[in-house]
């Protein structure tokens, strides 16, 4: 992650936390990026890293199977 990107992300997360909002990062490409975002206090992520877009029926099936993308990625919850 480029130093300028890091500073921007850190600033946005600081602002969202100060406003008591949750931040969702989009376009996360690597596990390393997600680990950095979590360490900075990002609570949620959305990207192909966690799973491709899917139909609602497929999401229900995936949820029922308890094999959520972030659990496969991390072996644990994203939080």
C-alpha atoms as a PDB file:
ATOM      1  CA  UNK A   1       0.000   0.000   0.000  1.00  0.00           C
ATOM      2  CA  UNK A   2       1.438   3.365  -1.015  1.00  0.00           C
ATOM      3  CA  UNK A   3       2.232   5.779   1.852  1.00  0.00           C
ATOM      4  CA  UNK A   4      -0.220   8.383   0.501  1.00  0.00           C
ATOM      5  CA  UNK A   5      -3.000   5.776   0.313  1.00  0.00           C
ATOM      6  CA  UNK A   6      -2.257   4.741   3.879  1.00  0.00           C
ATOM      7  CA  UNK A   7      -2.589   8.326   5.133  1.00  0.00           C
ATOM      8  CA  UNK A   8      -5.860   8.860   3.239  1.00  0.00           C
ATOM      9  CA  UNK A   9      -7.350   5.618   4.553  1.00  0.00           C
ATOM     10  CA  UNK A  10      -6.220   6.384   8.081  1.00  0.00           C
ATOM     11  CA  UNK A  11      -7.802   9.862   7.871  1.00  0.00           C
ATOM     12  CA  UNK A  12     -11.120   8.584   6.510  1.00  0.00           C
ATOM     13  CA  UNK A  13     -11.313   5.875   9.175  1.00  0.00           C
ATOM     14  CA  UNK A  14     -10.513   8.414  11.894  1.00  0.00           C
ATOM     15  CA  UNK A  15     -13.313  10.643  10.618  1.00  0.00           C
ATOM     16  CA  UNK A  16     -15.857   7.804  10.435  1.00  0.00           C
ATOM     17  CA  UNK A  17     -14.984   6.640  13.930  1.00  0.00           C
ATOM     18  CA  UNK A  18     -15.254  10.222  15.231  1.00  0.00           C
ATOM     19  CA  UNK A  19     -18.753  10.389  13.749  1.00  0.00           C
ATOM     20  CA  UNK A  20     -19.638   6.967  15.221  1.00  0.00           C
ATOM     21  CA  UNK A  21     -20.102   5.470  11.753  1.00  0.00           C
ATOM     22  CA  UNK A  22     -18.970   2.151  10.325  1.00  0.00           C
ATOM     23  CA  UNK A  23     -16.528   2.096   7.436  1.00  0.00           C
ATOM     24  CA  UNK A  24     -16.711  -0.393   4.565  1.00  0.00           C
ATOM     25  CA  UNK A  25     -13.637  -0.750   2.368  1.00  0.00           C
ATOM     26  CA  UNK A  26     -14.238  -1.723  -1.244  1.00  0.00           C
ATOM     27  CA  UNK A  27     -11.893  -3.194  -3.809  1.00  0.00           C
ATOM     28  CA  UNK A  28      -9.606  -5.011  -1.386  1.00  0.00           C
ATOM     29  CA  UNK A  29      -7.283  -7.116  -3.535  1.00  0.00           C
ATOM     30  CA  UNK A  30      -5.081  -9.002  -1.068  1.00  0.00           C
ATOM     31  CA  UNK A  31      -5.217 -10.524   2.391  1.00  0.00           C
ATOM     32  CA  UNK A  32      -2.388  -8.148   3.378  1.00  0.00           C
ATOM     33  CA  UNK A  33      -4.521  -5.114   2.446  1.00  0.00           C
ATOM     34  CA  UNK A  34      -7.418  -6.487   4.499  1.00  0.00           C
ATOM     35  CA  UNK A  35      -5.133  -7.086   7.497  1.00  0.00           C
ATOM     36  CA  UNK A  36      -3.889  -3.480   7.295  1.00  0.00           C
ATOM     37  CA  UNK A  37      -7.440  -2.123   7.012  1.00  0.00           C
ATOM     38  CA  UNK A  38      -8.571  -4.169  10.024  1.00  0.00           C
ATOM     39  CA  UNK A  39      -5.569  -2.956  12.043  1.00  0.00           C
ATOM     40  CA  UNK A  40      -6.580   0.624  11.212  1.00  0.00           C
ATOM     41  CA  UNK A  41     -10.098  -0.054  12.500  1.00  0.00           C
ATOM     42  CA  UNK A  42     -12.029  -0.812   9.318  1.00  0.00           C
ATOM     43  CA  UNK A  43     -14.977  -2.985  10.300  1.00  0.00           C
ATOM     44  CA  UNK A  44     -16.221  -4.246   6.933  1.00  0.00           C
ATOM     45  CA  UNK A  45     -14.857  -5.130   3.526  1.00  0.00           C
ATOM     46  CA  UNK A  46     -16.379  -5.809   0.156  1.00  0.00           C
ATOM     47  CA  UNK A  47     -14.460  -7.249  -2.773  1.00  0.00           C
ATOM     48  CA  UNK A  48     -13.750 -10.268  -4.925  1.00  0.00           C
ATOM     49  CA  UNK A  49     -11.302 -11.277  -2.192  1.00  0.00           C
ATOM     50  CA  UNK A  50     -14.321 -12.291  -0.101  1.00  0.00           C
ATOM     51  CA  UNK A  51     -16.584 -13.469  -2.894  1.00  0.00           C
ATOM     52  CA  UNK A  52     -18.017 -12.739  -6.301  1.00  0.00           C
ATOM     53  CA  UNK A  53     -21.441 -11.116  -6.735  1.00  0.00           C
ATOM     54  CA  UNK A  54     -24.173 -13.734  -6.543  1.00  0.00           C
ATOM     55  CA  UNK A  55     -27.893 -14.253  -6.830  1.00  0.00           C
ATOM     56  CA  UNK A  56     -29.899 -13.984  -3.617  1.00  0.00           C
ATOM     57  CA  UNK A  57     -30.784 -17.683  -3.788  1.00  0.00           C
ATOM     58  CA  UNK A  58     -27.090 -18.575  -3.866  1.00  0.00           C
ATOM     59  CA  UNK A  59     -26.413 -16.255  -0.924  1.00  0.00           C
ATOM     60  CA  UNK A  60     -29.131 -17.968   1.119  1.00  0.00           C
ATOM     61  CA  UNK A  61     -27.635 -21.370   0.303  1.00  0.00           C
ATOM     62  CA  UNK A  62     -24.140 -20.170   1.193  1.00  0.00           C
ATOM     63  CA  UNK A  63     -25.345 -18.655   4.465  1.00  0.00           C
ATOM     64  CA  UNK A  64     -27.224 -21.804   5.438  1.00  0.00           C
ATOM     65  CA  UNK A  65     -24.137 -23.911   4.708  1.00  0.00           C
ATOM     66  CA  UNK A  66     -22.210 -21.636   7.116  1.00  0.00           C
ATOM     67  CA  UNK A  67     -19.331 -21.451   4.635  1.00  0.00           C
ATOM     68  CA  UNK A  68     -19.116 -17.672   4.345  1.00  0.00           C
ATOM     69  CA  UNK A  69     -16.330 -16.233   2.166  1.00  0.00           C
ATOM     70  CA  UNK A  70     -14.603 -14.313   4.955  1.00  0.00           C
ATOM     71  CA  UNK A  71     -14.540 -17.435   7.109  1.00  0.00           C
ATOM     72  CA  UNK A  72     -12.881 -19.369   4.304  1.00  0.00           C
ATOM     73  CA  UNK A  73     -10.409 -16.514   3.860  1.00  0.00           C
ATOM     74  CA  UNK A  74      -9.507 -15.931   7.481  1.00  0.00           C
ATOM     75  CA  UNK A  75     -10.705 -19.034   9.267  1.00  0.00           C
ATOM     76  CA  UNK A  76     -12.709 -16.614  11.411  1.00  0.00           C
ATOM     77  CA  UNK A  77     -15.117 -13.690  11.278  1.00  0.00           C
ATOM     78  CA  UNK A  78     -14.049 -10.451   9.544  1.00  0.00           C
ATOM     79  CA  UNK A  79     -14.572  -8.457  12.757  1.00  0.00           C
END
